[in-house]
PDB file of all heavy atoms in Angstrom:
ATOM      1  N   ASN A   1     203.863  30.841 123.680  1.00  0.00           N
ATOM      2  CA  ASN A   1     202.622  30.063 123.642  1.00  0.00           C
ATOM      3  C   ASN A   1     202.108  29.701 125.033  1.00  0.00           C
ATOM      4  O   ASN A   1     201.070  29.043 125.151  1.00  0.00           O
ATOM      5  CB  ASN A   1     202.839  28.780 122.832  1.00  0.00           C
ATOM      6  CG  ASN A   1     203.162  29.067 121.381  1.00  0.00           C
ATOM      7  OD1 ASN A   1     202.534  29.912 120.750  1.00  0.00           O
ATOM      8  ND2 ASN A   1     204.157  28.374 120.845  1.00  0.00           N
ATOM      9  N   ALA A   2     202.837  30.085 126.068  1.00  0.00           N
ATOM     10  CA  ALA A   2     202.410  29.774 127.429  1.00  0.00           C
ATOM     11  C   ALA A   2     201.176  30.597 127.794  1.00  0.00           C
ATOM     12  O   ALA A   2     201.046  31.759 127.378  1.00  0.00           O
ATOM     13  CB  ALA A   2     203.545  30.063 128.411  1.00  0.00           C
ATOM     14  N   PRO A   3     200.263  30.029 128.566  1.00  0.00           N
ATOM     15  CA  PRO A   3     199.006  30.736 128.889  1.00  0.00           C
ATOM     16  C   PRO A   3     199.217  32.084 129.551  1.00  0.00           C
ATOM     17  O   PRO A   3     198.453  33.016 129.308  1.00  0.00           O
ATOM     18  CB  PRO A   3     198.294  29.759 129.832  1.00  0.00           C
ATOM     19  CG  PRO A   3     198.835  28.417 129.485  1.00  0.00           C
ATOM     20  CD  PRO A   3     200.258  28.652 129.104  1.00  0.00           C
ATOM     21  N   TRP A   4     200.228  32.215 130.413  1.00  0.00           N
ATOM     22  CA  TRP A   4     200.461  33.473 131.124  1.00  0.00           C
ATOM     23  C   TRP A   4     201.625  34.262 130.526  1.00  0.00           C
ATOM     24  O   TRP A   4     202.293  35.010 131.232  1.00  0.00           O
ATOM     25  CB  TRP A   4     200.759  33.199 132.603  1.00  0.00           C
ATOM     26  CG  TRP A   4     199.607  32.656 133.364  1.00  0.00           C
ATOM     27  CD1 TRP A   4     198.435  33.279 133.641  1.00  0.00           C
ATOM     28  CD2 TRP A   4     199.525  31.374 133.973  1.00  0.00           C
ATOM     29  NE1 TRP A   4     197.619  32.468 134.385  1.00  0.00           N
ATOM     30  CE2 TRP A   4     198.268  31.281 134.609  1.00  0.00           C
ATOM     31  CE3 TRP A   4     200.393  30.279 134.055  1.00  0.00           C
ATOM     32  CZ2 TRP A   4     197.849  30.152 135.301  1.00  0.00           C
ATOM     33  CZ3 TRP A   4     199.975  29.148 134.738  1.00  0.00           C
ATOM     34  CH2 TRP A   4     198.723  29.095 135.344  1.00  0.00           C
ATOM     35  N   TYR A   5     201.894  34.092 129.260  1.00  0.00           N
ATOM     36  CA  TYR A   5     203.072  34.726 128.672  1.00  0.00           C
ATOM     37  C   TYR A   5     203.062  36.233 128.920  1.00  0.00           C
ATOM     38  O   TYR A   5     202.057  36.910 128.692  1.00  0.00           O
ATOM     39  CB  TYR A   5     203.120  34.462 127.173  1.00  0.00           C
ATOM     40  CG  TYR A   5     204.315  35.096 126.495  1.00  0.00           C
ATOM     41  CD1 TYR A   5     205.603  34.704 126.813  1.00  0.00           C
ATOM     42  CD2 TYR A   5     204.138  36.106 125.543  1.00  0.00           C
ATOM     43  CE1 TYR A   5     206.702  35.286 126.210  1.00  0.00           C
ATOM     44  CE2 TYR A   5     205.229  36.681 124.918  1.00  0.00           C
ATOM     45  CZ  TYR A   5     206.507  36.274 125.255  1.00  0.00           C
ATOM     46  OH  TYR A   5     207.598  36.851 124.654  1.00  0.00           O
ATOM     47  N   ARG A   6     204.198  36.734 129.412  1.00  0.00           N
ATOM     48  CA  ARG A   6     204.338  38.155 129.726  1.00  0.00           C
ATOM     49  C   ARG A   6     204.832  38.907 128.495  1.00  0.00           C
ATOM     50  O   ARG A   6     206.034  39.001 128.229  1.00  0.00           O
ATOM     51  CB  ARG A   6     205.319  38.339 130.879  1.00  0.00           C
ATOM     52  CG  ARG A   6     204.770  38.023 132.263  1.00  0.00           C
ATOM     53  CD  ARG A   6     204.014  39.199 132.862  1.00  0.00           C
ATOM     54  NE  ARG A   6     204.812  40.396 132.881  1.00  0.00           N
ATOM     55  CZ  ARG A   6     205.669  40.739 133.853  1.00  0.00           C
ATOM     56  NH1 ARG A   6     205.812  39.933 134.890  1.00  0.00           N
ATOM     57  NH2 ARG A   6     206.355  41.859 133.800  1.00  0.00           N
ATOM     58  N   THR A   7     203.920  39.447 127.719  1.00  0.00           N
ATOM     59  CA  THR A   7     204.335  40.227 126.551  1.00  0.00           C
ATOM     60  C   THR A   7     205.117  41.466 126.971  1.00  0.00           C
ATOM     61  O   THR A   7     205.951  41.976 126.219  1.00  0.00           O
ATOM     62  CB  THR A   7     203.105  40.658 125.730  1.00  0.00           C
ATOM     63  OG1 THR A   7     202.199  41.381 126.579  1.00  0.00           O
ATOM     64  CG2 THR A   7     202.405  39.435 125.159  1.00  0.00           C
ATOM     65  N   ASP A   8     204.840  41.948 128.204  1.00  0.00           N
ATOM     66  CA  ASP A   8     205.525  43.130 128.705  1.00  0.00           C
ATOM     67  C   ASP A   8     206.737  42.762 129.565  1.00  0.00           C
ATOM     68  O   ASP A   8     207.303  43.617 130.248  1.00  0.00           O
ATOM     69  CB  ASP A   8     204.572  43.982 129.543  1.00  0.00           C
ATOM     70  CG  ASP A   8     204.081  43.247 130.798  1.00  0.00           C
ATOM     71  OD1 ASP A   8     204.110  41.987 130.800  1.00  0.00           O
ATOM     72  OD2 ASP A   8     203.682  43.910 131.763  1.00  0.00           O
ATOM     73  N   GLY A   9     207.131  41.490 129.532  1.00  0.00           N
ATOM     74  CA  GLY A   9     208.225  41.048 130.381  1.00  0.00           C
ATOM     75  C   GLY A   9     209.540  41.715 130.045  1.00  0.00           C
ATOM     76  O   GLY A   9     209.864  41.917 128.866  1.00  0.00           O
ATOM     77  N   PRO A  10     210.341  42.082 131.055  1.00  0.00           N
ATOM     78  CA  PRO A  10     211.666  42.660 130.802  1.00  0.00           C
ATOM     79  C   PRO A  10     212.548  41.668 130.056  1.00  0.00           C
ATOM     80  O   PRO A  10     212.418  40.455 130.194  1.00  0.00           O
ATOM     81  CB  PRO A  10     212.205  42.941 132.206  1.00  0.00           C
ATOM     82  CG  PRO A  10     211.011  42.938 133.104  1.00  0.00           C
ATOM     83  CD  PRO A  10     210.042  41.986 132.493  1.00  0.00           C
ATOM     84  N   ASP A  11     213.484  42.186 129.260  1.00  0.00           N
ATOM     85  CA  ASP A  11     214.329  41.325 128.437  1.00  0.00           C
ATOM     86  C   ASP A  11     215.141  40.341 129.271  1.00  0.00           C
ATOM     87  O   ASP A  11     215.334  39.197 128.862  1.00  0.00           O
ATOM     88  CB  ASP A  11     215.266  42.185 127.584  1.00  0.00           C
ATOM     89  CG  ASP A  11     214.525  42.927 126.472  1.00  0.00           C
ATOM     90  OD1 ASP A  11     213.385  42.510 126.153  1.00  0.00           O
ATOM     91  OD2 ASP A  11     215.079  43.902 125.944  1.00  0.00           O
ATOM     92  N   ASP A  12     215.633  40.787 130.443  1.00  0.00           N
ATOM     93  CA  ASP A  12     216.455  39.874 131.238  1.00  0.00           C
ATOM     94  C   ASP A  12     215.642  38.699 131.760  1.00  0.00           C
ATOM     95  O   ASP A  12     216.145  37.571 131.849  1.00  0.00           O
ATOM     96  CB  ASP A  12     217.136  40.609 132.394  1.00  0.00           C
ATOM     97  CG  ASP A  12     216.151  41.304 133.319  1.00  0.00           C
ATOM     98  OD1 ASP A  12     215.012  41.604 132.895  1.00  0.00           O
ATOM     99  OD2 ASP A  12     216.528  41.560 134.493  1.00  0.00           O
ATOM    100  N   LEU A  13     214.361  38.927 132.067  1.00  0.00           N
ATOM    101  CA  LEU A  13     213.530  37.836 132.544  1.00  0.00           C
ATOM    102  C   LEU A  13     213.040  36.963 131.393  1.00  0.00           C
ATOM    103  O   LEU A  13     212.880  35.746 131.555  1.00  0.00           O
ATOM    104  CB  LEU A  13     212.355  38.378 133.344  1.00  0.00           C
ATOM    105  CG  LEU A  13     212.733  39.131 134.624  1.00  0.00           C
ATOM    106  CD1 LEU A  13     211.483  39.583 135.377  1.00  0.00           C
ATOM    107  CD2 LEU A  13     213.611  38.282 135.533  1.00  0.00           C
ATOM    108  N   LYS A  14     212.817  37.556 130.224  1.00  0.00           N
ATOM    109  CA  LYS A  14     212.470  36.744 129.061  1.00  0.00           C
ATOM    110  C   LYS A  14     213.618  35.808 128.678  1.00  0.00           C
ATOM    111  O   LYS A  14     213.396  34.733 128.122  1.00  0.00           O
ATOM    112  CB  LYS A  14     212.109  37.634 127.874  1.00  0.00           C
ATOM    113  CG  LYS A  14     210.734  38.270 127.972  1.00  0.00           C
ATOM    114  CD  LYS A  14     210.373  39.013 126.692  1.00  0.00           C
ATOM    115  CE  LYS A  14     208.947  39.537 126.746  1.00  0.00           C
ATOM    116  NZ  LYS A  14     208.544  40.225 125.500  1.00  0.00           N
ATOM    117  N   GLY A  15     214.821  36.203 129.008  1.00  0.00           N
ATOM    118  CA  GLY A  15     215.976  35.372 128.699  1.00  0.00           C
ATOM    119  C   GLY A  15     216.464  34.548 129.870  1.00  0.00           C
ATOM    120  O   GLY A  15     217.546  33.948 129.799  1.00  0.00           O
ATOM    121  N   ALA A  16     215.664  34.459 130.941  1.00  0.00           N
ATOM    122  CA  ALA A  16     216.125  33.798 132.163  1.00  0.00           C
ATOM    123  C   ALA A  16     216.387  32.308 131.959  1.00  0.00           C
ATOM    124  O   ALA A  16     217.397  31.766 132.426  1.00  0.00           O
ATOM    125  CB  ALA A  16     215.107  34.007 133.285  1.00  0.00           C
ATOM    126  N   VAL A  17     215.467  31.606 131.297  1.00  0.00           N
ATOM    127  CA  VAL A  17     215.649  30.166 131.085  1.00  0.00           C
ATOM    128  C   VAL A  17     216.931  29.910 130.307  1.00  0.00           C
ATOM    129  O   VAL A  17     217.753  29.059 130.680  1.00  0.00           O
ATOM    130  CB  VAL A  17     214.430  29.561 130.359  1.00  0.00           C
ATOM    131  CG1 VAL A  17     214.710  28.110 129.959  1.00  0.00           C
ATOM    132  CG2 VAL A  17     213.189  29.629 131.246  1.00  0.00           C
ATOM    133  N   LEU A  18     217.133  30.654 129.228  1.00  0.00           N
ATOM    134  CA  LEU A  18     218.344  30.460 128.422  1.00  0.00           C
ATOM    135  C   LEU A  18     219.589  30.854 129.200  1.00  0.00           C
ATOM    136  O   LEU A  18     220.650  30.216 129.054  1.00  0.00           O
ATOM    137  CB  LEU A  18     218.246  31.272 127.135  1.00  0.00           C
ATOM    138  CG  LEU A  18     217.224  30.763 126.105  1.00  0.00           C
ATOM    139  CD1 LEU A  18     217.185  31.683 124.895  1.00  0.00           C
ATOM    140  CD2 LEU A  18     217.548  29.341 125.670  1.00  0.00           C
ATOM    141  N   ALA A  19     219.488  31.879 130.035  1.00  0.00           N
ATOM    142  CA  ALA A  19     220.651  32.307 130.819  1.00  0.00           C
ATOM    143  C   ALA A  19     221.107  31.193 131.765  1.00  0.00           C
ATOM    144  O   ALA A  19     222.306  30.920 131.898  1.00  0.00           O
ATOM    145  CB  ALA A  19     220.319  33.573 131.606  1.00  0.00           C
ATOM    146  N   VAL A  20     220.149  30.540 132.421  1.00  0.00           N
ATOM    147  CA  VAL A  20     220.497  29.443 133.326  1.00  0.00           C
ATOM    148  C   VAL A  20     221.069  28.271 132.545  1.00  0.00           C
ATOM    149  O   VAL A  20     222.074  27.660 132.941  1.00  0.00           O
ATOM    150  CB  VAL A  20     219.262  29.011 134.139  1.00  0.00           C
ATOM    151  CG1 VAL A  20     219.563  27.761 134.948  1.00  0.00           C
ATOM    152  CG2 VAL A  20     218.811  30.146 135.061  1.00  0.00           C
ATOM    153  N   TYR A  21     220.473  27.961 131.408  1.00  0.00           N
ATOM    154  CA  TYR A  21     220.972  26.843 130.601  1.00  0.00           C
ATOM    155  C   TYR A  21     222.362  27.127 130.044  1.00  0.00           C
ATOM    156  O   TYR A  21     223.200  26.211 129.939  1.00  0.00           O
ATOM    157  CB  TYR A  21     219.995  26.534 129.471  1.00  0.00           C
ATOM    158  CG  TYR A  21     218.939  25.521 129.855  1.00  0.00           C
ATOM    159  CD1 TYR A  21     217.808  25.903 130.572  1.00  0.00           C
ATOM    160  CD2 TYR A  21     219.086  24.178 129.524  1.00  0.00           C
ATOM    161  CE1 TYR A  21     216.850  24.979 130.935  1.00  0.00           C
ATOM    162  CE2 TYR A  21     218.135  23.248 129.882  1.00  0.00           C
ATOM    163  CZ  TYR A  21     217.015  23.653 130.584  1.00  0.00           C
ATOM    164  OH  TYR A  21     216.066  22.729 130.956  1.00  0.00           O
ATOM    165  N   ARG A  22     222.632  28.358 129.694  1.00  0.00           N
ATOM    166  CA  ARG A  22     223.977  28.685 129.194  1.00  0.00           C
ATOM    167  C   ARG A  22     225.019  28.489 130.281  1.00  0.00           C
ATOM    168  O   ARG A  22     226.125  28.017 130.023  1.00  0.00           O
ATOM    169  CB  ARG A  22     223.997  30.116 128.657  1.00  0.00           C
ATOM    170  CG  ARG A  22     223.245  30.298 127.345  1.00  0.00           C
ATOM    171  CD  ARG A  22     223.510  31.668 126.730  1.00  0.00           C
ATOM    172  NE  ARG A  22     222.750  31.845 125.505  1.00  0.00           N
ATOM    173  CZ  ARG A  22     221.661  32.603 125.382  1.00  0.00           C
ATOM    174  NH1 ARG A  22     221.213  33.266 126.458  1.00  0.00           N
ATOM    175  NH2 ARG A  22     221.029  32.709 124.238  1.00  0.00           N
ATOM    176  N   GLU A  23     224.674  28.864 131.513  1.00  0.00           N
ATOM    177  CA  GLU A  23     225.611  28.649 132.621  1.00  0.00           C
ATOM    178  C   GLU A  23     225.849  27.153 132.841  1.00  0.00           C
ATOM    179  O   GLU A  23     226.983  26.721 133.082  1.00  0.00           O
ATOM    180  CB  GLU A  23     225.060  29.283 133.905  1.00  0.00           C
ATOM    181  CG  GLU A  23     225.114  30.802 133.929  1.00  0.00           C
ATOM    182  CD  GLU A  23     226.531  31.348 133.961  1.00  0.00           C
ATOM    183  OE1 GLU A  23     227.459  30.630 134.424  1.00  0.00           O
ATOM    184  OE2 GLU A  23     226.721  32.493 133.510  1.00  0.00           O
ATOM    185  N   ILE A  24     224.779  26.378 132.758  1.00  0.00           N
ATOM    186  CA  ILE A  24     224.932  24.932 132.928  1.00  0.00           C
ATOM    187  C   ILE A  24     225.751  24.351 131.781  1.00  0.00           C
ATOM    188  O   ILE A  24     226.612  23.479 131.989  1.00  0.00           O
ATOM    189  CB  ILE A  24     223.547  24.249 133.015  1.00  0.00           C
ATOM    190  CG1 ILE A  24     222.825  24.696 134.289  1.00  0.00           C
ATOM    191  CG2 ILE A  24     223.679  22.727 132.975  1.00  0.00           C
ATOM    192  CD1 ILE A  24     221.398  24.182 134.405  1.00  0.00           C
ATOM    193  N   ASP A  25     225.488  24.821 130.577  1.00  0.00           N
ATOM    194  CA  ASP A  25     226.242  24.341 129.412  1.00  0.00           C
ATOM    195  C   ASP A  25     227.741  24.611 129.584  1.00  0.00           C
ATOM    196  O   ASP A  25     228.581  23.741 129.305  1.00  0.00           O
ATOM    197  CB  ASP A  25     225.722  25.025 128.146  1.00  0.00           C
ATOM    198  CG  ASP A  25     226.374  24.495 126.890  1.00  0.00           C
ATOM    199  OD1 ASP A  25     226.220  23.301 126.599  1.00  0.00           O
ATOM    200  OD2 ASP A  25     227.056  25.279 126.203  1.00  0.00           O
ATOM    201  N   ASP A  26     228.071  25.796 130.066  1.00  0.00           N
ATOM    202  CA  ASP A  26     229.485  26.129 130.310  1.00  0.00           C
ATOM    203  C   ASP A  26     230.068  25.215 131.384  1.00  0.00           C
ATOM    204  O   ASP A  26     231.188  24.710 131.239  1.00  0.00           O
ATOM    205  CB  ASP A  26     229.597  27.594 130.742  1.00  0.00           C
ATOM    206  CG  ASP A  26     231.021  27.967 131.131  1.00  0.00           C
ATOM    207  OD1 ASP A  26     231.867  28.117 130.237  1.00  0.00           O
ATOM    208  OD2 ASP A  26     231.289  28.081 132.352  1.00  0.00           O
ATOM    209  N   ALA A  27     229.301  24.990 132.442  1.00  0.00           N
ATOM    210  CA  ALA A  27     229.789  24.141 133.534  1.00  0.00           C
ATOM    211  C   ALA A  27     229.995  22.713 133.061  1.00  0.00           C
ATOM    212  O   ALA A  27     231.024  22.079 133.362  1.00  0.00           O
ATOM    213  CB  ALA A  27     228.801  24.179 134.698  1.00  0.00           C
ATOM    214  N   VAL A  28     229.033  22.180 132.306  1.00  0.00           N
ATOM    215  CA  VAL A  28     229.150  20.807 131.816  1.00  0.00           C
ATOM    216  C   VAL A  28     230.375  20.660 130.911  1.00  0.00           C
ATOM    217  O   VAL A  28     231.124  19.677 131.008  1.00  0.00           O
ATOM    218  CB  VAL A  28     227.863  20.399 131.070  1.00  0.00           C
ATOM    219  CG1 VAL A  28     228.067  19.082 130.309  1.00  0.00           C
ATOM    220  CG2 VAL A  28     226.703  20.250 132.044  1.00  0.00           C
ATOM    221  N   GLY A  29     230.593  21.644 130.058  1.00  0.00           N
ATOM    222  CA  GLY A  29     231.755  21.587 129.174  1.00  0.00           C
ATOM    223  C   GLY A  29     233.065  21.538 129.945  1.00  0.00           C
ATOM    224  O   GLY A  29     233.968  20.744 129.619  1.00  0.00           O
ATOM    225  N   LYS A  30     233.174  22.345 130.974  1.00  0.00           N
ATOM    226  CA  LYS A  30     234.409  22.369 131.761  1.00  0.00           C
ATOM    227  C   LYS A  30     234.584  21.084 132.571  1.00  0.00           C
ATOM    228  O   LYS A  30     235.708  20.603 132.761  1.00  0.00           O
ATOM    229  CB  LYS A  30     234.428  23.600 132.661  1.00  0.00           C
ATOM    230  CG  LYS A  30     234.679  24.905 131.890  1.00  0.00           C
ATOM    231  CD  LYS A  30     234.753  26.095 132.806  1.00  0.00           C
ATOM    232  CE  LYS A  30     235.267  27.332 132.063  1.00  0.00           C
ATOM    233  NZ  LYS A  30     234.459  27.645 130.864  1.00  0.00           N
ATOM    234  N   ILE A  31     233.491  20.528 133.047  1.00  0.00           N
ATOM    235  CA  ILE A  31     233.572  19.270 133.805  1.00  0.00           C
ATOM    236  C   ILE A  31     234.011  18.124 132.891  1.00  0.00           C
ATOM    237  O   ILE A  31     234.879  17.312 133.249  1.00  0.00           O
ATOM    238  CB  ILE A  31     232.221  18.963 134.470  1.00  0.00           C
ATOM    239  CG1 ILE A  31     231.942  19.986 135.582  1.00  0.00           C
ATOM    240  CG2 ILE A  31     232.204  17.551 135.052  1.00  0.00           C
ATOM    241  CD1 ILE A  31     230.517  19.957 136.099  1.00  0.00           C
ATOM    242  N   ILE A  32     233.432  18.056 131.684  1.00  0.00           N
ATOM    243  CA  ILE A  32     233.826  17.007 130.739  1.00  0.00           C
ATOM    244  C   ILE A  32     235.294  17.164 130.346  1.00  0.00           C
ATOM    245  O   ILE A  32     236.047  16.176 130.256  1.00  0.00           O
ATOM    246  CB  ILE A  32     232.919  17.049 129.496  1.00  0.00           C
ATOM    247  CG1 ILE A  32     231.491  16.652 129.882  1.00  0.00           C
ATOM    248  CG2 ILE A  32     233.454  16.139 128.397  1.00  0.00           C
ATOM    249  CD1 ILE A  32     230.493  16.777 128.753  1.00  0.00           C
ATOM    250  N   GLU A  33     235.705  18.408 130.133  1.00  0.00           N
ATOM    251  CA  GLU A  33     237.114  18.656 129.802  1.00  0.00           C
ATOM    252  C   GLU A  33     238.031  18.196 130.925  1.00  0.00           C
ATOM    253  O   GLU A  33     239.070  17.573 130.685  1.00  0.00           O
ATOM    254  CB  GLU A  33     237.311  20.147 129.519  1.00  0.00           C
ATOM    255  CG  GLU A  33     238.736  20.513 129.132  1.00  0.00           C
ATOM    256  CD  GLU A  33     238.898  22.007 128.905  1.00  0.00           C
ATOM    257  OE1 GLU A  33     237.902  22.749 129.074  1.00  0.00           O
ATOM    258  OE2 GLU A  33     240.013  22.434 128.572  1.00  0.00           O
TER     259      GLU A  33
END
């Protein structure tokens, strides 16, 4: 829904936000542990 949404965007870049959040999620889990 973003105004400049890249319909032709590569899959790795379309998943960039989630990729960064997954890394943070893993880091937070290990820190809490």
